[in-house]
């Protein structure tokens, strides 16, 4: 497990035997947060693709299969609340 503190929140990434097989879409418009999460997830051997806005995230989600989508709610172009529906 790798952990760090991000804006007062405890962020933890748990490594598993199958972690290298999981493909994650990280949707985050804030560069520092996106970079930190990407570093932690790739260190845990997850495959991470990034989107910086809701519209790009929607296009990627429709084109590819992801095991997990980490979605910020306040995004440009298409709000995360709307995107999650």
Protein backbone atom coordinates (compact mmCIF):
# COMPACT_ATOMS: atom_id res chain seq x y z
CA UNK A 1 0.00 0.00 0.00
CA UNK A 2 1.24 3.47 -0.88
CA UNK A 3 -0.33 6.43 0.86
CA UNK A 4 0.00 10.20 0.87
CA UNK A 5 -1.96 13.22 2.02
CA UNK A 6 -3.71 15.31 -0.60
CA UNK A 7 -5.51 18.47 0.47
CA UNK A 8 -6.28 17.02 3.87
CA UNK A 9 -7.59 13.72 2.44
CA UNK A 10 -5.80 10.46 2.96
CA UNK A 11 -5.11 8.84 -0.40
CA UNK A 12 -4.22 5.18 -0.44
CA UNK A 13 -3.54 2.80 -3.29
CA UNK A 14 -3.60 -0.88 -2.50
CA UNK A 15 -1.48 -3.17 -4.64
CA UNK A 16 -2.94 -6.50 -5.61
CA UNK A 17 -1.90 -9.45 -7.70
CA UNK A 18 -4.25 -8.33 -10.46
CA UNK A 19 -3.41 -4.61 -10.33
CA UNK A 20 -1.32 -4.73 -13.50
CA UNK A 21 -4.35 -5.85 -15.48
CA UNK A 22 -6.67 -3.04 -14.40
CA UNK A 23 -7.20 -0.11 -16.73
CA UNK A 24 -8.27 3.14 -15.05
CA UNK A 25 -9.61 6.35 -16.53
CA UNK A 26 -8.66 9.29 -14.32
CA UNK A 27 -10.81 12.37 -14.96
CA UNK A 28 -9.35 15.37 -13.16
CA UNK A 29 -8.83 18.93 -14.39
CA UNK A 30 -6.46 20.03 -11.61
CA UNK A 31 -2.89 19.23 -12.81
CA UNK A 32 -1.28 18.62 -9.39
CA UNK A 33 -4.02 16.25 -8.26
CA UNK A 34 -4.01 14.44 -11.61
CA UNK A 35 -0.23 14.02 -11.50
CA UNK A 36 -0.19 12.75 -7.90
CA UNK A 37 -2.94 10.19 -8.50
CA UNK A 38 -1.35 9.04 -11.75
CA UNK A 39 2.03 8.54 -10.05
CA UNK A 40 0.46 6.55 -7.22
CA UNK A 41 -1.66 4.38 -9.48
CA UNK A 42 1.11 3.62 -11.97
CA UNK A 43 3.46 2.81 -9.06
CA UNK A 44 0.86 0.24 -8.04
CA UNK A 45 1.02 -1.15 -11.61
CA UNK A 46 -2.33 0.10 -12.81
CA UNK A 47 -2.68 1.32 -16.37
CA UNK A 48 -3.91 4.93 -16.21
CA UNK A 49 -5.37 7.06 -18.96
CA UNK A 50 -6.22 10.69 -18.26
CA UNK A 51 -8.90 13.14 -19.27
CA UNK A 52 -8.93 16.79 -18.20
CA UNK A 53 -12.57 17.54 -19.00
CA UNK A 54 -15.91 15.77 -19.05
CA UNK A 55 -16.32 15.72 -22.82
CA UNK A 56 -12.99 13.99 -23.39
CA UNK A 57 -13.82 11.53 -20.61
CA UNK A 58 -17.13 10.67 -22.27
CA UNK A 59 -15.43 10.08 -25.62
CA UNK A 60 -12.80 7.81 -24.04
CA UNK A 61 -15.38 5.90 -21.97
CA UNK A 62 -17.46 5.21 -25.06
CA UNK A 63 -14.44 4.06 -27.07
CA UNK A 64 -12.59 1.91 -24.49
CA UNK A 65 -13.43 -0.47 -21.65
CA UNK A 66 -12.20 0.65 -18.24
CA UNK A 67 -12.18 -1.36 -15.03
CA UNK A 68 -12.52 1.82 -13.00
CA UNK A 69 -13.24 5.49 -13.68
CA UNK A 70 -12.09 8.01 -11.09
CA UNK A 71 -14.24 11.06 -11.75
CA UNK A 72 -13.94 14.61 -10.46
CA UNK A 73 -17.38 16.20 -10.14
CA UNK A 74 -16.47 19.80 -11.03
CA UNK A 75 -15.15 19.57 -14.58
CA UNK A 76 -15.04 21.87 -17.58
CA UNK A 77 -17.09 21.19 -20.76
CA UNK A 78 -19.27 18.48 -19.17
CA UNK A 79 -19.91 18.36 -15.43
CA UNK A 80 -19.00 15.17 -13.57
CA UNK A 81 -22.51 14.93 -12.05
CA UNK A 82 -24.04 14.80 -15.54
CA UNK A 83 -21.32 12.53 -16.88
CA UNK A 84 -21.86 9.95 -14.14
CA UNK A 85 -25.48 9.43 -15.17
